[in-house]
Amino acid sequence: MTDSGRVEAVHARDGHGVGKTTQPTIRLLVGLGVEGDAHAGTTVKHRSRVAKDPTQPNLRQVHLIHGELIDELRASGFETVHAGAMGENVTTRGVALLDLPTGTLLRLGDEAVVELTGLRNPCVQLDGIQPGLMSAVLGRGPDGELIRKAGVMAVVREAGAVTPGAPVVVVPPPPPHEPLRPV
């Protein structure tokens, strides 16, 4: 267990769309997600996934993005990108989210705990924020494999309020570790 970073900002939106509105606090509900957010629920809420199979379990209850990605994007000319713009519920700072294994627990403040289920698979809606943004959150590894940088997805394991400035404590699962894959 390590205190790896902090919550930089929290966001929610009751309707579908890319961006979410920054909030002073959000409340996580066990097995559902962010109270009042369009993606909260036990089954999938993302419109394209609902169209394929509305009975799928919701492994995307909470979306987290590392603030360092926003810094990188802004330095590359994506000046319209800010915390919450890419649809995340929690913006973190000082946590290498993409390097964590599947099943990692993140304690967000004193109460809430989420379990990482996988990577966010970015969609073309990001180009609506600024042209080229979707490509900017995709990369290639040394062996040509696709690298998704648009954050991680999680399910809520312990309910609670999450506020900016709260510590993020990382609790890795027991080995062997499985890398995050798109969910």
N, C-alpha and C. Protein backbone atom coordinates (compact mmCIF):
# COMPACT_ATOMS: atom_id res chain seq x y z
N MET A 1 0.85 -1.17 0.00
CA MET A 1 0.00 0.00 0.00
C MET A 1 0.90 1.23 0.00
N THR A 2 0.67 2.13 -0.96
CA THR A 2 1.47 3.34 -1.04
C THR A 2 0.59 4.55 -1.27
N ASP A 3 0.97 5.65 -0.63
CA ASP A 3 0.29 6.92 -0.85
C ASP A 3 0.97 7.53 -2.06
N SER A 4 0.34 7.41 -3.22
CA SER A 4 1.00 7.75 -4.47
C SER A 4 0.72 9.13 -4.99
N GLY A 5 -0.34 9.75 -4.58
CA GLY A 5 -0.66 11.02 -5.18
C GLY A 5 -1.89 11.62 -4.54
N ARG A 6 -2.60 12.39 -5.35
CA ARG A 6 -3.79 13.06 -4.81
C ARG A 6 -4.84 13.22 -5.90
N VAL A 7 -6.04 13.50 -5.46
CA VAL A 7 -7.14 13.84 -6.36
C VAL A 7 -6.97 15.32 -6.71
N GLU A 8 -6.91 15.61 -7.98
CA GLU A 8 -6.77 17.00 -8.41
C GLU A 8 -8.13 17.67 -8.62
N ALA A 9 -9.08 16.94 -9.18
CA ALA A 9 -10.42 17.48 -9.45
C ALA A 9 -11.39 16.32 -9.59
N VAL A 10 -12.69 16.61 -9.39
CA VAL A 10 -13.74 15.61 -9.56
C VAL A 10 -14.84 16.18 -10.44
N HIS A 11 -15.51 15.29 -11.21
CA HIS A 11 -16.45 15.74 -12.23
C HIS A 11 -17.62 14.76 -12.35
N ALA A 12 -18.75 15.28 -12.76
CA ALA A 12 -19.93 14.45 -13.03
C ALA A 12 -20.81 15.18 -14.04
N ARG A 13 -21.67 14.39 -14.67
CA ARG A 13 -22.64 14.96 -15.63
C ARG A 13 -23.81 14.00 -15.71
N ASP A 14 -25.03 14.52 -15.62
CA ASP A 14 -26.19 13.64 -15.63
C ASP A 14 -26.64 13.25 -17.03
N GLY A 15 -26.07 13.86 -18.05
CA GLY A 15 -26.40 13.51 -19.43
C GLY A 15 -25.19 12.96 -20.15
N HIS A 16 -25.44 12.36 -21.31
CA HIS A 16 -24.34 11.82 -22.11
C HIS A 16 -23.66 12.94 -22.90
N GLY A 17 -22.41 12.74 -23.20
CA GLY A 17 -21.58 13.70 -23.92
C GLY A 17 -20.16 13.51 -23.43
N VAL A 18 -19.22 14.20 -24.05
CA VAL A 18 -17.82 13.95 -23.71
C VAL A 18 -17.42 14.58 -22.39
N GLY A 19 -17.59 15.85 -22.22
CA GLY A 19 -17.10 16.54 -21.03
C GLY A 19 -18.00 16.36 -19.83
N LYS A 20 -17.41 16.52 -18.65
CA LYS A 20 -18.15 16.49 -17.39
C LYS A 20 -17.86 17.80 -16.66
N THR A 21 -18.79 18.19 -15.79
CA THR A 21 -18.69 19.44 -15.05
C THR A 21 -17.91 19.23 -13.76
N THR A 22 -16.95 20.10 -13.51
CA THR A 22 -16.18 20.03 -12.27
C THR A 22 -17.09 20.31 -11.09
N GLN A 23 -16.92 19.51 -10.03
CA GLN A 23 -17.76 19.58 -8.84
C GLN A 23 -16.88 19.83 -7.61
N PRO A 24 -17.44 20.36 -6.54
CA PRO A 24 -16.68 20.48 -5.30
C PRO A 24 -16.46 19.12 -4.62
N THR A 25 -17.37 18.19 -4.89
CA THR A 25 -17.28 16.84 -4.35
C THR A 25 -18.15 15.92 -5.21
N ILE A 26 -17.78 14.65 -5.26
CA ILE A 26 -18.65 13.63 -5.87
C ILE A 26 -18.83 12.53 -4.83
N ARG A 27 -19.91 11.78 -4.97
CA ARG A 27 -20.16 10.66 -4.06
C ARG A 27 -20.17 9.38 -4.88
N LEU A 28 -19.34 8.43 -4.46
CA LEU A 28 -19.28 7.13 -5.12
C LEU A 28 -20.21 6.16 -4.39
N LEU A 29 -20.95 5.40 -5.18
CA LEU A 29 -21.92 4.43 -4.66
C LEU A 29 -21.47 3.03 -5.04
N VAL A 30 -21.43 2.12 -4.09
CA VAL A 30 -20.95 0.76 -4.30
C VAL A 30 -21.73 0.10 -5.44
N GLY A 31 -20.97 -0.47 -6.39
CA GLY A 31 -21.57 -1.22 -7.48
C GLY A 31 -22.30 -0.38 -8.51
N LEU A 32 -22.30 0.95 -8.36
CA LEU A 32 -23.03 1.82 -9.27
C LEU A 32 -22.14 2.84 -9.97
N GLY A 33 -21.33 3.57 -9.20
CA GLY A 33 -20.49 4.61 -9.78
C GLY A 33 -20.72 5.94 -9.09
N VAL A 34 -20.66 7.02 -9.87
CA VAL A 34 -20.78 8.37 -9.33
C VAL A 34 -22.25 8.77 -9.26
N GLU A 35 -22.69 9.12 -8.07
CA GLU A 35 -24.07 9.54 -7.87
C GLU A 35 -24.41 10.69 -8.82
N GLY A 36 -25.51 10.53 -9.58
CA GLY A 36 -25.96 11.56 -10.49
C GLY A 36 -25.26 11.61 -11.83
N ASP A 37 -24.33 10.70 -12.08
CA ASP A 37 -23.61 10.68 -13.36
C ASP A 37 -24.32 9.76 -14.35
N ALA A 38 -24.27 10.13 -15.62
CA ALA A 38 -24.94 9.36 -16.67
C ALA A 38 -24.43 7.92 -16.79
N HIS A 39 -23.20 7.66 -16.35
CA HIS A 39 -22.63 6.32 -16.49
C HIS A 39 -22.80 5.46 -15.25
N ALA A 40 -23.52 5.94 -14.25
CA ALA A 40 -23.74 5.16 -13.03
C ALA A 40 -24.76 4.05 -13.30
N GLY A 41 -24.49 2.89 -12.75
CA GLY A 41 -25.42 1.77 -12.89
C GLY A 41 -24.71 0.43 -12.84
N THR A 42 -25.46 -0.62 -12.61
CA THR A 42 -24.88 -1.96 -12.53
C THR A 42 -24.60 -2.54 -13.92
N THR A 43 -25.34 -2.06 -14.93
CA THR A 43 -25.11 -2.52 -16.30
C THR A 43 -24.57 -1.34 -17.12
N VAL A 44 -23.98 -1.64 -18.28
CA VAL A 44 -23.34 -0.62 -19.11
C VAL A 44 -24.27 0.55 -19.40
N LYS A 45 -23.68 1.75 -19.47
CA LYS A 45 -24.44 2.96 -19.77
C LYS A 45 -23.90 3.68 -21.00
N HIS A 46 -22.68 3.34 -21.41
CA HIS A 46 -22.10 3.95 -22.61
C HIS A 46 -22.97 3.55 -23.79
N ARG A 47 -23.44 4.53 -24.55
CA ARG A 47 -24.47 4.28 -25.57
C ARG A 47 -24.09 3.20 -26.59
N SER A 48 -22.83 3.18 -27.05
CA SER A 48 -22.45 2.17 -28.05
C SER A 48 -22.45 0.77 -27.43
N ARG A 49 -22.10 0.67 -26.16
CA ARG A 49 -22.10 -0.63 -25.49
C ARG A 49 -23.51 -1.10 -25.18
N VAL A 50 -24.39 -0.17 -24.83
CA VAL A 50 -25.80 -0.51 -24.59
C VAL A 50 -26.42 -1.06 -25.87
N ALA A 51 -26.07 -0.47 -27.01
CA ALA A 51 -26.61 -0.92 -28.30
C ALA A 51 -26.19 -2.36 -28.61
N LYS A 52 -24.97 -2.74 -28.19
CA LYS A 52 -24.49 -4.11 -28.44
C LYS A 52 -25.12 -5.13 -27.49
N ASP A 53 -25.16 -4.79 -26.18
CA ASP A 53 -25.70 -5.70 -25.19
C ASP A 53 -25.96 -4.93 -23.90
N PRO A 54 -27.21 -4.51 -23.68
CA PRO A 54 -27.51 -3.69 -22.50
C PRO A 54 -27.41 -4.44 -21.17
N THR A 55 -27.22 -5.77 -21.20
CA THR A 55 -27.14 -6.53 -19.96
C THR A 55 -25.71 -6.72 -19.46
N GLN A 56 -24.71 -6.21 -20.21
CA GLN A 56 -23.31 -6.35 -19.78
C GLN A 56 -23.11 -5.67 -18.43
N PRO A 57 -22.27 -6.25 -17.57
CA PRO A 57 -21.96 -5.56 -16.31
C PRO A 57 -21.20 -4.27 -16.60
N ASN A 58 -21.42 -3.27 -15.77
CA ASN A 58 -20.78 -1.98 -15.95
C ASN A 58 -19.40 -1.99 -15.30
N LEU A 59 -18.38 -2.20 -16.11
CA LEU A 59 -17.00 -2.17 -15.64
C LEU A 59 -16.41 -0.77 -15.78
N ARG A 60 -17.24 0.19 -16.19
CA ARG A 60 -16.81 1.56 -16.46
C ARG A 60 -17.59 2.55 -15.59
N GLN A 61 -17.76 2.23 -14.31
CA GLN A 61 -18.53 3.08 -13.41
C GLN A 61 -17.83 4.40 -13.10
N VAL A 62 -16.51 4.36 -13.00
CA VAL A 62 -15.72 5.54 -12.68
C VAL A 62 -14.56 5.63 -13.66
N HIS A 63 -14.39 6.80 -14.27
CA HIS A 63 -13.30 7.05 -15.22
C HIS A 63 -12.29 7.97 -14.55
N LEU A 64 -11.02 7.55 -14.55
CA LEU A 64 -9.95 8.35 -13.95
C LEU A 64 -8.91 8.69 -15.01
N ILE A 65 -8.43 9.92 -15.00
CA ILE A 65 -7.34 10.36 -15.89
C ILE A 65 -6.28 11.03 -15.02
N HIS A 66 -5.03 10.76 -15.35
CA HIS A 66 -3.91 11.40 -14.67
C HIS A 66 -3.72 12.82 -15.22
N GLY A 67 -3.63 13.79 -14.32
CA GLY A 67 -3.47 15.19 -14.71
C GLY A 67 -2.25 15.44 -15.57
N GLU A 68 -1.25 14.58 -15.45
CA GLU A 68 -0.04 14.72 -16.26
C GLU A 68 -0.34 14.57 -17.75
N LEU A 69 -1.37 13.77 -18.10
CA LEU A 69 -1.77 13.66 -19.50
C LEU A 69 -2.32 15.00 -19.99
N ILE A 70 -3.11 15.65 -19.18
CA ILE A 70 -3.66 16.96 -19.56
C ILE A 70 -2.53 17.95 -19.78
N ASP A 71 -1.53 17.94 -18.90
CA ASP A 71 -0.35 18.82 -19.06
C ASP A 71 0.34 18.54 -20.40
N GLU A 72 0.54 17.25 -20.70
CA GLU A 72 1.21 16.83 -21.94
C GLU A 72 0.42 17.31 -23.17
N LEU A 73 -0.88 17.12 -23.12
CA LEU A 73 -1.72 17.53 -24.25
C LEU A 73 -1.70 19.04 -24.44
N ARG A 74 -1.80 19.79 -23.36
CA ARG A 74 -1.79 21.26 -23.45
C ARG A 74 -0.44 21.74 -24.00
N ALA A 75 0.65 21.10 -23.58
CA ALA A 75 1.98 21.47 -24.08
C ALA A 75 2.12 21.15 -25.57
N SER A 76 1.30 20.22 -26.05
CA SER A 76 1.34 19.84 -27.47
C SER A 76 0.36 20.66 -28.32
N GLY A 77 -0.28 21.67 -27.72
CA GLY A 77 -1.17 22.54 -28.48
C GLY A 77 -2.65 22.29 -28.31
N PHE A 78 -3.03 21.38 -27.43
CA PHE A 78 -4.45 21.11 -27.18
C PHE A 78 -4.93 22.01 -26.04
N GLU A 79 -5.02 23.30 -26.34
CA GLU A 79 -5.33 24.29 -25.31
C GLU A 79 -6.75 24.22 -24.77
N THR A 80 -7.65 23.54 -25.46
CA THR A 80 -9.03 23.42 -24.98
C THR A 80 -9.20 22.27 -23.99
N VAL A 81 -8.17 21.46 -23.81
CA VAL A 81 -8.25 20.32 -22.89
C VAL A 81 -7.99 20.81 -21.47
N HIS A 82 -8.88 20.44 -20.57
CA HIS A 82 -8.75 20.77 -19.16
C HIS A 82 -9.34 19.62 -18.36
N ALA A 83 -9.16 19.63 -17.06
CA ALA A 83 -9.70 18.58 -16.21
C ALA A 83 -11.20 18.46 -16.43
N GLY A 84 -11.67 17.25 -16.69
CA GLY A 84 -13.08 16.97 -16.92
C GLY A 84 -13.49 16.99 -18.38
N ALA A 85 -12.69 17.63 -19.24
CA ALA A 85 -13.07 17.79 -20.65
C ALA A 85 -13.17 16.46 -21.39
N MET A 86 -12.35 15.47 -21.01
CA MET A 86 -12.36 14.19 -21.71
C MET A 86 -13.30 13.19 -21.06
N GLY A 87 -14.14 13.66 -20.14
CA GLY A 87 -15.20 12.82 -19.58
C GLY A 87 -14.83 12.05 -18.33
N GLU A 88 -13.69 12.36 -17.74
CA GLU A 88 -13.32 11.63 -16.52
C GLU A 88 -14.11 12.13 -15.33
N ASN A 89 -14.28 11.23 -14.36
CA ASN A 89 -14.91 11.58 -13.09
C ASN A 89 -13.89 12.06 -12.08
N VAL A 90 -12.67 11.51 -12.16
CA VAL A 90 -11.62 11.86 -11.21
C VAL A 90 -10.34 12.15 -11.99
N THR A 91 -9.78 13.33 -11.74
CA THR A 91 -8.47 13.69 -12.28
C THR A 91 -7.48 13.54 -11.13
N THR A 92 -6.44 12.74 -11.35
CA THR A 92 -5.44 12.51 -10.31
C THR A 92 -4.15 13.24 -10.65
N ARG A 93 -3.26 13.29 -9.68
CA ARG A 93 -1.93 13.87 -9.87
C ARG A 93 -0.96 12.99 -9.08
N GLY A 94 0.15 12.59 -9.73
CA GLY A 94 1.17 11.81 -9.04
C GLY A 94 0.91 10.32 -8.97
N VAL A 95 -0.03 9.82 -9.77
CA VAL A 95 -0.33 8.38 -9.80
C VAL A 95 -0.16 7.90 -11.24
N ALA A 96 0.71 6.94 -11.46
CA ALA A 96 0.94 6.39 -12.81
C ALA A 96 -0.18 5.38 -13.10
N LEU A 97 -1.37 5.89 -13.35
CA LEU A 97 -2.56 5.06 -13.53
C LEU A 97 -2.37 3.97 -14.58
N LEU A 98 -1.78 4.33 -15.71
CA LEU A 98 -1.68 3.39 -16.84
C LEU A 98 -0.73 2.23 -16.55
N ASP A 99 0.13 2.39 -15.54
CA ASP A 99 1.10 1.34 -15.20
C ASP A 99 0.58 0.36 -14.16
N LEU A 100 -0.59 0.62 -13.61
CA LEU A 100 -1.13 -0.24 -12.56
C LEU A 100 -1.78 -1.49 -13.15
N PRO A 101 -1.74 -2.61 -12.42
CA PRO A 101 -2.38 -3.83 -12.93
C PRO A 101 -3.89 -3.84 -12.70
N THR A 102 -4.56 -4.67 -13.46
CA THR A 102 -5.98 -4.92 -13.27
C THR A 102 -6.20 -5.40 -11.84
N GLY A 103 -7.26 -4.91 -11.22
CA GLY A 103 -7.57 -5.31 -9.85
C GLY A 103 -6.95 -4.43 -8.79
N THR A 104 -6.14 -3.45 -9.18
CA THR A 104 -5.58 -2.51 -8.20
C THR A 104 -6.71 -1.75 -7.52
N LEU A 105 -6.60 -1.58 -6.22
CA LEU A 105 -7.55 -0.76 -5.47
C LEU A 105 -6.95 0.62 -5.28
N LEU A 106 -7.78 1.63 -5.47
CA LEU A 106 -7.39 3.01 -5.19
C LEU A 106 -8.30 3.55 -4.11
N ARG A 107 -7.71 3.94 -2.98
CA ARG A 107 -8.47 4.61 -1.92
C ARG A 107 -8.40 6.10 -2.24
N LEU A 108 -9.56 6.68 -2.46
CA LEU A 108 -9.66 8.09 -2.84
C LEU A 108 -10.18 8.87 -1.62
N GLY A 109 -9.26 9.37 -0.80
CA GLY A 109 -9.66 10.05 0.42
C GLY A 109 -9.88 9.06 1.54
N ASP A 110 -10.75 9.46 2.48
CA ASP A 110 -10.95 8.66 3.70
C ASP A 110 -11.91 7.50 3.54
N GLU A 111 -12.79 7.54 2.54
CA GLU A 111 -13.87 6.56 2.48
C GLU A 111 -13.89 5.72 1.21
N ALA A 112 -13.87 6.36 0.07
CA ALA A 112 -14.15 5.69 -1.21
C ALA A 112 -12.98 4.82 -1.68
N VAL A 113 -13.35 3.65 -2.23
CA VAL A 113 -12.36 2.75 -2.83
C VAL A 113 -12.91 2.28 -4.16
N VAL A 114 -12.07 2.36 -5.21
CA VAL A 114 -12.43 1.83 -6.53
C VAL A 114 -11.43 0.74 -6.90
N GLU A 115 -11.88 -0.18 -7.76
CA GLU A 115 -11.03 -1.25 -8.27
C GLU A 115 -10.88 -1.07 -9.77
N LEU A 116 -9.63 -1.02 -10.24
CA LEU A 116 -9.38 -0.81 -11.66
C LEU A 116 -9.78 -2.05 -12.46
N THR A 117 -10.56 -1.81 -13.53
CA THR A 117 -11.04 -2.89 -14.38
C THR A 117 -10.37 -2.88 -15.75
N GLY A 118 -9.86 -1.74 -16.19
CA GLY A 118 -9.22 -1.70 -17.50
C GLY A 118 -8.95 -0.29 -17.99
N LEU A 119 -8.54 -0.23 -19.23
CA LEU A 119 -8.22 1.03 -19.89
C LEU A 119 -9.44 1.61 -20.60
N ARG A 120 -9.48 2.92 -20.66
CA ARG A 120 -10.50 3.57 -21.49
C ARG A 120 -10.06 3.44 -22.94
N ASN A 121 -10.97 3.03 -23.77
CA ASN A 121 -10.71 2.98 -25.20
C ASN A 121 -11.23 4.29 -25.78
N PRO A 122 -10.34 5.22 -26.16
CA PRO A 122 -10.81 6.53 -26.61
C PRO A 122 -11.63 6.43 -27.90
N CYS A 123 -12.57 7.36 -28.06
CA CYS A 123 -13.40 7.36 -29.25
C CYS A 123 -13.28 8.69 -29.98
N VAL A 124 -13.83 8.72 -31.18
CA VAL A 124 -13.71 9.87 -32.06
C VAL A 124 -14.40 11.12 -31.49
N GLN A 125 -15.26 10.96 -30.50
CA GLN A 125 -15.89 12.12 -29.88
C GLN A 125 -14.84 13.08 -29.29
N LEU A 126 -13.67 12.56 -28.96
CA LEU A 126 -12.61 13.43 -28.44
C LEU A 126 -12.21 14.49 -29.46
N ASP A 127 -12.32 14.16 -30.74
CA ASP A 127 -11.98 15.15 -31.78
C ASP A 127 -12.96 16.31 -31.78
N GLY A 128 -14.13 16.15 -31.14
CA GLY A 128 -15.07 17.25 -31.01
C GLY A 128 -14.58 18.31 -30.02
N ILE A 129 -13.70 17.91 -29.11
CA ILE A 129 -13.09 18.86 -28.18
C ILE A 129 -12.07 19.71 -28.94
N GLN A 130 -11.23 19.02 -29.69
CA GLN A 130 -10.25 19.68 -30.55
C GLN A 130 -9.78 18.63 -31.56
N PRO A 131 -9.77 18.98 -32.86
CA PRO A 131 -9.34 18.01 -33.88
C PRO A 131 -7.95 17.45 -33.57
N GLY A 132 -7.85 16.12 -33.73
CA GLY A 132 -6.59 15.42 -33.51
C GLY A 132 -6.40 14.90 -32.10
N LEU A 133 -7.34 15.22 -31.19
CA LEU A 133 -7.19 14.79 -29.80
C LEU A 133 -7.22 13.28 -29.65
N MET A 134 -8.09 12.60 -30.41
CA MET A 134 -8.13 11.14 -30.29
C MET A 134 -6.78 10.53 -30.65
N SER A 135 -6.18 10.99 -31.72
CA SER A 135 -4.86 10.47 -32.11
C SER A 135 -3.81 10.79 -31.05
N ALA A 136 -3.94 11.95 -30.42
CA ALA A 136 -2.97 12.37 -29.41
C ALA A 136 -3.01 11.50 -28.16
N VAL A 137 -4.14 10.85 -27.87
CA VAL A 137 -4.22 10.00 -26.69
C VAL A 137 -3.98 8.52 -27.04
N LEU A 138 -3.50 8.30 -28.24
CA LEU A 138 -3.08 6.97 -28.68
C LEU A 138 -1.60 7.04 -29.05
N GLY A 139 -0.89 5.99 -28.78
CA GLY A 139 0.53 5.94 -29.13
C GLY A 139 0.90 4.53 -29.55
N ARG A 140 2.16 4.35 -29.83
CA ARG A 140 2.69 3.03 -30.18
C ARG A 140 3.86 2.69 -29.28
N GLY A 141 3.88 1.46 -28.81
CA GLY A 141 4.98 0.98 -27.98
C GLY A 141 6.15 0.54 -28.84
N PRO A 142 7.22 0.08 -28.21
CA PRO A 142 8.42 -0.32 -28.94
C PRO A 142 8.19 -1.46 -29.94
N ASP A 143 7.19 -2.30 -29.67
CA ASP A 143 6.88 -3.41 -30.57
C ASP A 143 5.71 -3.10 -31.49
N GLY A 144 5.31 -1.82 -31.55
CA GLY A 144 4.23 -1.41 -32.42
C GLY A 144 2.85 -1.57 -31.83
N GLU A 145 2.77 -2.04 -30.57
CA GLU A 145 1.46 -2.24 -29.94
C GLU A 145 0.82 -0.89 -29.64
N LEU A 146 -0.51 -0.87 -29.72
CA LEU A 146 -1.28 0.34 -29.47
C LEU A 146 -1.26 0.66 -27.97
N ILE A 147 -0.98 1.91 -27.64
CA ILE A 147 -0.99 2.36 -26.26
C ILE A 147 -2.12 3.36 -26.11
N ARG A 148 -3.02 3.06 -25.19
CA ARG A 148 -4.16 3.94 -24.90
C ARG A 148 -3.81 4.76 -23.67
N LYS A 149 -3.84 6.09 -23.81
CA LYS A 149 -3.42 6.97 -22.73
C LYS A 149 -4.59 7.74 -22.10
N ALA A 150 -5.82 7.47 -22.51
CA ALA A 150 -6.98 8.28 -22.10
C ALA A 150 -7.57 7.87 -20.76
N GLY A 151 -6.79 7.25 -19.89
CA GLY A 151 -7.23 6.95 -18.55
C GLY A 151 -7.64 5.52 -18.31
N VAL A 152 -8.13 5.29 -17.12
CA VAL A 152 -8.51 3.95 -16.67
C VAL A 152 -9.95 3.96 -16.18
N MET A 153 -10.53 2.78 -16.15
CA MET A 153 -11.91 2.61 -15.70
C MET A 153 -11.89 1.78 -14.42
N ALA A 154 -12.93 1.98 -13.61
CA ALA A 154 -12.99 1.29 -12.33
C ALA A 154 -14.44 1.06 -11.91
N VAL A 155 -14.60 0.16 -10.94
CA VAL A 155 -15.88 -0.05 -10.28
C VAL A 155 -15.72 0.36 -8.81
N VAL A 156 -16.84 0.74 -8.19
CA VAL A 156 -16.80 1.21 -6.81
C VAL A 156 -16.92 0.02 -5.86
N ARG A 157 -15.95 -0.11 -4.96
CA ARG A 157 -15.96 -1.18 -3.96
C ARG A 157 -16.38 -0.67 -2.58
N GLU A 158 -16.06 0.61 -2.26
CA GLU A 158 -16.48 1.20 -0.99
C GLU A 158 -16.99 2.60 -1.29
N ALA A 159 -18.17 2.90 -0.78
CA ALA A 159 -18.81 4.19 -1.02
C ALA A 159 -18.12 5.31 -0.26
N GLY A 160 -18.32 6.53 -0.76
CA GLY A 160 -17.81 7.68 -0.03
C GLY A 160 -17.69 8.90 -0.90
N ALA A 161 -17.45 10.01 -0.24
CA ALA A 161 -17.25 11.28 -0.92
C ALA A 161 -15.80 11.38 -1.38
N VAL A 162 -15.61 12.03 -2.54
CA VAL A 162 -14.27 12.27 -3.07
C VAL A 162 -14.17 13.75 -3.38
N THR A 163 -13.12 14.38 -2.86
CA THR A 163 -12.93 15.82 -3.04
C THR A 163 -11.54 16.12 -3.56
N PRO A 164 -11.37 17.24 -4.24
CA PRO A 164 -10.03 17.65 -4.66
C PRO A 164 -9.11 17.78 -3.44
N GLY A 165 -7.86 17.36 -3.64
CA GLY A 165 -6.87 17.40 -2.57
C GLY A 165 -6.79 16.13 -1.76
N ALA A 166 -7.76 15.24 -1.91
CA ALA A 166 -7.75 13.98 -1.15
C ALA A 166 -6.57 13.12 -1.59
N PRO A 167 -5.95 12.40 -0.65
CA PRO A 167 -4.87 11.50 -1.04
C PRO A 167 -5.39 10.31 -1.83
N VAL A 168 -4.55 9.77 -2.70
CA VAL A 168 -4.84 8.54 -3.44
C VAL A 168 -3.86 7.50 -2.94
N VAL A 169 -4.39 6.44 -2.35
CA VAL A 169 -3.57 5.34 -1.85
C VAL A 169 -3.75 4.16 -2.79
N VAL A 170 -2.64 3.64 -3.29
CA VAL A 170 -2.65 2.53 -4.26
C VAL A 170 -2.40 1.22 -3.52
N VAL A 171 -3.30 0.24 -3.73
CA VAL A 171 -3.17 -1.09 -3.14
C VAL A 171 -3.15 -2.10 -4.28
N PRO A 172 -1.96 -2.57 -4.68
CA PRO A 172 -1.89 -3.53 -5.79
C PRO A 172 -2.50 -4.88 -5.40
N PRO A 173 -3.01 -5.60 -6.39
CA PRO A 173 -3.53 -6.95 -6.11
C PRO A 173 -2.37 -7.91 -5.89
N PRO A 174 -2.64 -9.09 -5.34
CA PRO A 174 -1.56 -10.07 -5.21
C PRO A 174 -1.09 -10.52 -6.59
N PRO A 175 0.19 -10.89 -6.71
CA PRO A 175 0.69 -11.39 -8.01
C PRO A 175 0.06 -12.75 -8.31
N PRO A 176 0.07 -13.17 -9.56
CA PRO A 176 0.67 -12.48 -10.71
C PRO A 176 -0.22 -11.33 -11.17
N HIS A 177 0.39 -10.26 -11.64
CA HIS A 177 -0.34 -9.08 -12.09
C HIS A 177 -0.70 -9.19 -13.56
N GLU A 178 -1.91 -8.75 -13.86
CA GLU A 178 -2.40 -8.71 -15.24
C GLU A 178 -2.44 -7.26 -15.68
N PRO A 179 -1.88 -6.96 -16.85
CA PRO A 179 -1.94 -5.56 -17.33
C PRO A 179 -3.36 -5.14 -17.63
N LEU A 180 -3.59 -3.84 -17.55
CA LEU A 180 -4.90 -3.29 -17.91
C LEU A 180 -5.14 -3.47 -19.40
N ARG A 181 -6.34 -3.85 -19.75
CA ARG A 181 -6.76 -3.98 -21.16
C ARG A 181 -8.02 -3.14 -21.34
N PRO A 182 -8.33 -2.78 -22.58
CA PRO A 182 -9.54 -1.95 -22.81
C PRO A 182 -10.80 -2.64 -22.30
N VAL A 183 -11.66 -1.84 -21.67
CA VAL A 183 -12.98 -2.34 -21.23
C VAL A 183 -14.06 -1.43 -21.78
